Amino acid sequence: MMSSRLEENGLTRLLRLIRFSHTLFALPFALGALLVATKGRPSPRLLILVLVCMVCARTAGMLFNRLTDWTLDQRNPRTAMRHRLLPRSAVILWFIASSGAFVAASAAINHTTFLLSPLALVIVFFYSVTKRFTSASHFFLGLALATAPAGAWIAATGGLTIPPLLLSAGVVGWVAGFDLIYATQDFEFDRRERLHSLVVRLGIPSALRLAQLLHLTMFAALLAFGLAASLGVIYFVGMALVAAALCYEHRSAARLDLSGINRAFFQSNAFVGAIFLVSVWAGL
């Protein structure tokens, strides 16, 4: 009983370390792409394998980020408690296991996904080092999450067409926009540490305006995706709810209230993903 309790606590600490709940952000876009690619009828086997790939890739990416920023995060008051959750050796073991599981699940889907799986991991991992040399790291994070819908489409069809490319472009704009908002919390720390930060470089007001522009491009990309995928009118009705959620997020960011930003960050982004997925399903 004691051993089971310790294992449960260890798993809970891992999930907290990688902020597992934020998997909700990219997952609906991968599933939406999968639904469109399979005309709403993915096989149970393919659906499970895509879910495994999504969870494992994000877990590996987050653990790589924690390892890369191990000492930096300890100096940041907002993130200082993270690395008390698990020792570095355990983080390394989980990182290796999740990376291997992603490649194995990709190999079980089709030959193309297996061949592309190392490239997908490189893209996901690369974000964590970009902040060392560029202030555009938010866009690399967007690119990392944009591999989800593209990968799901390749899993279903073996290739890429216009709809998944439009959807991936929308994800890049969406993620870069909300990551800019989130980064306003670290303005003072990033400036003090002389980190490459777009928020520090532009200033908070200009960074928030850029986030608004990025979310406008994301919204346009989602509309274009619906047209390219021949989705029904219900999909476009759902996009109005997506627009409302984005407006709520930006209203919260404008107040620069830390608790408000955190609440809006999770609630609105999770809502955007959920509404998108439901709208795709209904639009099909």
Protein backbone atom coordinates (compact mmCIF):
# COMPACT_ATOMS: atom_id res chain seq x y z
CA MET A 1 0.00 0.00 0.00
CA MET A 2 2.85 2.39 0.92
CA SER A 3 4.69 1.61 -2.35
CA SER A 4 1.53 2.23 -4.35
CA ARG A 5 1.02 5.52 -2.53
CA LEU A 6 4.56 6.65 -3.32
CA GLU A 7 4.15 5.74 -7.00
CA GLU A 8 0.89 7.69 -7.11
CA ASN A 9 2.55 10.71 -5.56
CA GLY A 10 5.45 10.43 -7.99
CA LEU A 11 3.08 10.35 -10.95
CA THR A 12 1.16 13.31 -9.58
CA ARG A 13 4.38 15.27 -9.23
CA LEU A 14 5.32 14.41 -12.82
CA LEU A 15 1.94 15.63 -14.10
CA ARG A 16 2.35 18.87 -12.17
CA LEU A 17 5.89 19.34 -13.48
CA ILE A 18 4.82 19.08 -17.12
CA ARG A 19 1.49 20.88 -16.55
CA PHE A 20 -0.35 17.93 -18.05
CA SER A 21 -3.67 19.78 -18.06
CA HIS A 22 -2.29 22.05 -20.79
CA THR A 23 -2.31 19.04 -23.14
CA LEU A 24 -5.91 20.17 -23.71
CA PHE A 25 -4.59 23.07 -25.78
CA ALA A 26 -3.10 21.21 -28.76
CA LEU A 27 -5.06 17.96 -28.54
CA PRO A 28 -8.37 19.26 -30.01
CA PHE A 29 -6.58 20.54 -33.11
CA ALA A 30 -4.93 17.17 -33.68
CA LEU A 31 -8.26 15.39 -33.22
CA GLY A 32 -10.04 17.92 -35.43
CA ALA A 33 -7.54 17.30 -38.22
CA LEU A 34 -7.94 13.55 -37.73
CA LEU A 35 -11.73 13.80 -37.96
CA VAL A 36 -11.60 15.79 -41.20
CA ALA A 37 -8.95 13.53 -42.74
CA THR A 38 -11.02 10.40 -41.99
CA LYS A 39 -14.37 12.05 -42.78
CA GLY A 40 -15.42 11.73 -39.17
CA ARG A 41 -14.67 8.03 -38.80
CA PRO A 42 -11.16 7.31 -37.54
CA SER A 43 -10.58 3.70 -36.55
CA PRO A 44 -10.27 3.08 -32.79
CA ARG A 45 -6.69 1.88 -33.30
CA LEU A 46 -5.65 5.04 -35.18
CA LEU A 47 -7.40 7.28 -32.66
CA ILE A 48 -5.60 5.64 -29.72
CA LEU A 49 -2.21 5.80 -31.45
CA VAL A 50 -2.65 9.48 -32.30
CA LEU A 51 -3.60 10.19 -28.67
CA VAL A 52 -0.52 8.30 -27.46
CA CYS A 53 1.70 10.25 -29.87
CA MET A 54 0.22 13.55 -28.73
CA VAL A 55 0.64 12.88 -25.01
CA CYS A 56 4.13 11.40 -25.36
CA ALA A 57 5.45 14.14 -27.65
CA ARG A 58 4.18 16.90 -25.37
CA THR A 59 5.49 15.13 -22.27
CA ALA A 60 8.92 14.71 -23.85
CA GLY A 61 8.94 18.33 -24.99
CA MET A 62 7.99 19.67 -21.56
CA LEU A 63 10.57 17.50 -19.80
CA PHE A 64 13.26 18.64 -22.24
CA ASN A 65 12.25 22.21 -21.46
CA ARG A 66 12.52 21.58 -17.72
CA LEU A 67 15.97 20.02 -18.14
CA THR A 68 17.19 22.83 -20.39
CA ASP A 69 15.94 25.54 -18.01
CA TRP A 70 16.78 23.69 -14.81
CA THR A 71 18.97 26.39 -13.24
CA LEU A 72 17.18 29.30 -14.91
CA ASP A 73 13.79 28.27 -13.55
CA GLN A 74 15.20 28.03 -10.05
CA ARG A 75 16.07 31.74 -10.17
CA ASN A 76 12.60 32.75 -11.39
CA PRO A 77 10.15 33.28 -8.49
CA ARG A 78 7.25 32.07 -10.66
CA THR A 79 8.92 28.73 -11.47
CA ALA A 80 11.27 28.19 -8.52
CA MET A 81 9.16 25.38 -7.01
CA ARG A 82 9.03 23.26 -10.15
CA HIS A 83 12.24 21.36 -9.64
CA ARG A 84 11.42 20.32 -6.11
CA LEU A 85 8.78 18.04 -7.56
CA LEU A 86 11.16 15.47 -9.07
CA PRO A 87 14.94 14.95 -9.04
CA ARG A 88 16.78 15.57 -12.31
CA SER A 89 17.58 11.86 -12.71
CA ALA A 90 13.86 11.01 -12.65
CA VAL A 91 13.11 13.76 -15.18
CA ILE A 92 15.77 12.32 -17.51
CA LEU A 93 14.31 8.81 -17.24
CA TRP A 94 10.77 10.06 -17.95
CA PHE A 95 12.11 12.09 -20.87
CA ILE A 96 13.78 9.04 -22.45
CA ALA A 97 10.69 6.88 -21.87
CA SER A 98 8.23 9.38 -23.37
CA SER A 99 10.46 10.03 -26.39
CA GLY A 100 10.81 6.31 -27.03
CA ALA A 101 7.07 5.75 -26.63
CA PHE A 102 6.37 8.50 -29.17
CA VAL A 103 8.65 6.92 -31.78
CA ALA A 104 7.16 3.46 -31.11
CA ALA A 105 3.58 4.72 -31.46
CA SER A 106 4.53 6.59 -34.66
CA ALA A 107 6.02 3.39 -36.08
CA ALA A 108 2.77 1.57 -35.34
CA ILE A 109 0.76 4.08 -37.41
CA ASN A 110 2.49 4.03 -40.79
CA HIS A 111 5.92 4.18 -42.41
CA THR A 112 5.74 7.93 -43.05
CA THR A 113 4.95 8.84 -39.46
CA PHE A 114 7.79 6.61 -38.28
CA LEU A 115 10.30 8.29 -40.60
CA LEU A 116 9.09 11.76 -39.57
CA SER A 117 8.97 11.06 -35.82
CA PRO A 118 12.60 12.11 -35.13
CA LEU A 119 12.02 15.37 -37.04
CA ALA A 120 8.85 16.01 -35.03
CA LEU A 121 10.78 15.56 -31.78
CA VAL A 122 13.55 17.89 -32.98
CA ILE A 123 10.95 20.59 -33.72
CA VAL A 124 9.32 20.09 -30.32
CA PHE A 125 12.66 20.18 -28.47
CA PHE A 126 14.12 23.08 -30.44
CA TYR A 127 11.75 25.59 -28.86
CA SER A 128 13.46 25.17 -25.49
CA VAL A 129 16.82 26.43 -26.78
CA THR A 130 15.55 29.29 -28.97
CA LYS A 131 15.22 31.71 -26.05
CA ARG A 132 19.03 31.57 -25.81
CA PHE A 133 19.52 33.34 -29.14
CA THR A 134 16.23 34.87 -30.37
CA SER A 135 13.30 36.80 -28.97
CA ALA A 136 11.00 34.97 -31.41
CA SER A 137 10.81 31.85 -29.24
CA HIS A 138 7.00 32.21 -29.02
CA PHE A 139 6.74 31.39 -32.71
CA PHE A 140 8.90 28.29 -32.30
CA LEU A 141 6.57 27.15 -29.52
CA GLY A 142 3.70 27.69 -31.96
CA LEU A 143 5.53 25.61 -34.56
CA ALA A 144 6.04 22.83 -32.02
CA LEU A 145 2.32 22.62 -31.26
CA ALA A 146 1.45 23.00 -34.94
CA THR A 147 3.05 19.61 -35.59
CA ALA A 148 0.00 18.08 -33.85
CA PRO A 149 -2.66 18.67 -36.56
CA ALA A 150 -0.13 18.10 -39.35
CA GLY A 151 0.99 14.85 -37.75
CA ALA A 152 -2.57 13.64 -37.23
CA TRP A 153 -3.35 14.30 -40.89
CA ILE A 154 -0.26 12.38 -42.01
CA ALA A 155 -1.25 9.56 -39.67
CA ALA A 156 -4.61 9.30 -41.42
CA THR A 157 -3.61 9.93 -45.04
CA GLY A 158 0.16 9.51 -45.32
CA GLY A 159 0.64 13.08 -46.63
CA LEU A 160 -0.30 16.74 -46.31
CA THR A 161 -2.79 18.91 -48.20
CA ILE A 162 -4.06 22.47 -47.87
CA PRO A 163 -6.48 22.02 -44.91
CA PRO A 164 -3.91 20.76 -42.38
CA LEU A 165 -1.42 23.42 -43.47
CA LEU A 166 -4.03 26.13 -42.86
CA LEU A 167 -4.88 24.63 -39.49
CA SER A 168 -1.21 24.38 -38.51
CA ALA A 169 -0.68 28.02 -39.50
CA GLY A 170 -3.61 28.96 -37.28
CA VAL A 171 -2.11 27.03 -34.36
CA VAL A 172 1.20 28.88 -34.78
CA GLY A 173 -0.57 32.25 -34.52
CA TRP A 174 -2.76 31.11 -31.64
CA VAL A 175 0.08 29.70 -29.54
CA ALA A 176 2.49 32.56 -30.24
CA GLY A 177 -0.25 35.01 -29.25
CA PHE A 178 -1.21 33.41 -25.95
CA ASP A 179 2.45 32.72 -25.09
CA LEU A 180 3.18 36.43 -25.51
CA ILE A 181 0.39 37.18 -23.06
CA TYR A 182 1.72 34.58 -20.63
CA ALA A 183 5.26 35.96 -20.94
CA THR A 184 4.20 39.34 -19.57
CA GLN A 185 4.35 37.70 -16.13
CA ASP A 186 8.14 37.30 -16.52
CA PHE A 187 8.86 40.81 -17.80
CA GLU A 188 10.96 41.92 -14.83
CA PHE A 189 12.79 38.59 -14.50
CA ASP A 190 13.61 38.38 -18.21
CA ARG A 191 14.89 41.95 -18.23
CA ARG A 192 17.02 41.37 -15.15
CA GLU A 193 18.48 38.14 -16.56
CA ARG A 194 19.03 39.79 -19.96
CA LEU A 195 17.11 37.00 -21.69
CA HIS A 196 15.97 37.21 -25.30
CA SER A 197 12.36 38.26 -24.68
CA LEU A 198 10.00 39.76 -27.21
CA VAL A 199 7.96 41.26 -24.37
CA VAL A 200 11.04 43.05 -23.03
CA ARG A 201 12.11 44.08 -26.51
CA LEU A 202 8.72 45.52 -27.51
CA GLY A 203 7.34 46.50 -24.13
CA ILE A 204 4.18 45.04 -22.63
CA PRO A 205 1.62 47.25 -24.47
CA SER A 206 3.16 46.55 -27.91
CA ALA A 207 3.53 42.84 -27.10
CA LEU A 208 -0.17 42.63 -26.22
CA ARG A 209 -1.10 44.38 -29.46
CA LEU A 210 1.02 41.87 -31.37
CA ALA A 211 -0.78 39.06 -29.55
CA GLN A 212 -4.09 40.50 -30.72
CA LEU A 213 -2.83 40.58 -34.31
CA LEU A 214 -1.63 36.98 -34.08
CA HIS A 215 -5.01 35.86 -32.79
CA LEU A 216 -6.70 37.66 -35.66
CA THR A 217 -4.53 35.70 -38.09
CA MET A 218 -5.37 32.53 -36.20
CA PHE A 219 -9.08 33.26 -36.49
CA ALA A 220 -8.72 33.91 -40.24
CA ALA A 221 -6.83 30.62 -40.63
CA LEU A 222 -9.58 28.71 -38.83
CA LEU A 223 -12.18 30.21 -41.17
CA ALA A 224 -10.03 29.29 -44.18
CA PHE A 225 -9.62 25.76 -42.80
CA GLY A 226 -13.40 25.39 -42.54
CA LEU A 227 -13.79 26.47 -46.17
CA ALA A 228 -10.96 24.24 -47.43
CA ALA A 229 -12.32 21.26 -45.51
CA SER A 230 -15.91 21.93 -46.72
CA LEU A 231 -17.28 22.05 -43.19
CA GLY A 232 -20.90 22.97 -42.59
CA VAL A 233 -22.40 26.18 -41.26
CA ILE A 234 -22.34 24.92 -37.66
CA TYR A 235 -18.55 25.05 -37.75
CA PHE A 236 -18.60 28.76 -38.58
CA VAL A 237 -21.14 29.41 -35.83
CA GLY A 238 -18.69 27.78 -33.43
CA MET A 239 -15.96 30.14 -34.63
CA ALA A 240 -17.98 33.05 -33.21
CA LEU A 241 -17.61 31.43 -29.78
CA VAL A 242 -13.88 31.05 -30.40
CA ALA A 243 -13.69 34.78 -31.14
CA ALA A 244 -15.53 35.53 -27.89
CA ALA A 245 -13.08 33.40 -25.88
CA LEU A 246 -10.11 35.19 -27.43
CA CYS A 247 -11.65 38.56 -26.60
CA TYR A 248 -12.09 37.46 -22.99
CA GLU A 249 -8.43 36.44 -22.84
CA HIS A 250 -7.26 39.80 -24.17
CA ARG A 251 -9.54 41.76 -21.83
CA SER A 252 -7.98 39.88 -18.90
CA ALA A 253 -4.47 40.50 -20.23
CA ALA A 254 -5.16 44.23 -20.59
CA ARG A 255 -5.77 44.46 -16.84
CA LEU A 256 -2.36 42.82 -16.22
CA ASP A 257 -3.77 41.02 -13.22
CA LEU A 258 -1.56 37.97 -12.59
CA SER A 259 -4.34 35.74 -11.28
CA GLY A 260 -6.62 36.98 -14.06
CA ILE A 261 -4.05 36.19 -16.72
CA ASN A 262 -3.51 32.67 -15.36
CA ARG A 263 -7.25 32.03 -15.17
CA ALA A 264 -7.92 33.44 -18.62
CA PHE A 265 -4.91 31.61 -20.05
CA PHE A 266 -6.21 28.20 -19.08
CA GLN A 267 -9.96 28.72 -19.30
CA SER A 268 -10.11 30.58 -22.61
CA ASN A 269 -7.52 28.42 -24.38
CA ALA A 270 -9.11 25.19 -23.20
CA PHE A 271 -12.49 26.59 -24.32
CA VAL A 272 -11.08 27.53 -27.74
CA GLY A 273 -9.80 23.99 -28.28
CA ALA A 274 -13.01 22.35 -27.09
CA ILE A 275 -15.25 24.58 -29.22
CA PHE A 276 -13.05 23.99 -32.26
CA LEU A 277 -13.26 20.22 -31.89
CA VAL A 278 -17.03 20.20 -31.32
CA SER A 279 -17.49 22.58 -34.27
CA VAL A 280 -15.48 20.32 -36.58
CA TRP A 281 -17.47 17.27 -35.51
CA ALA A 282 -20.76 19.12 -36.00
CA GLY A 283 -19.59 20.68 -39.25
CA LEU A 284 -18.83 17.27 -40.71
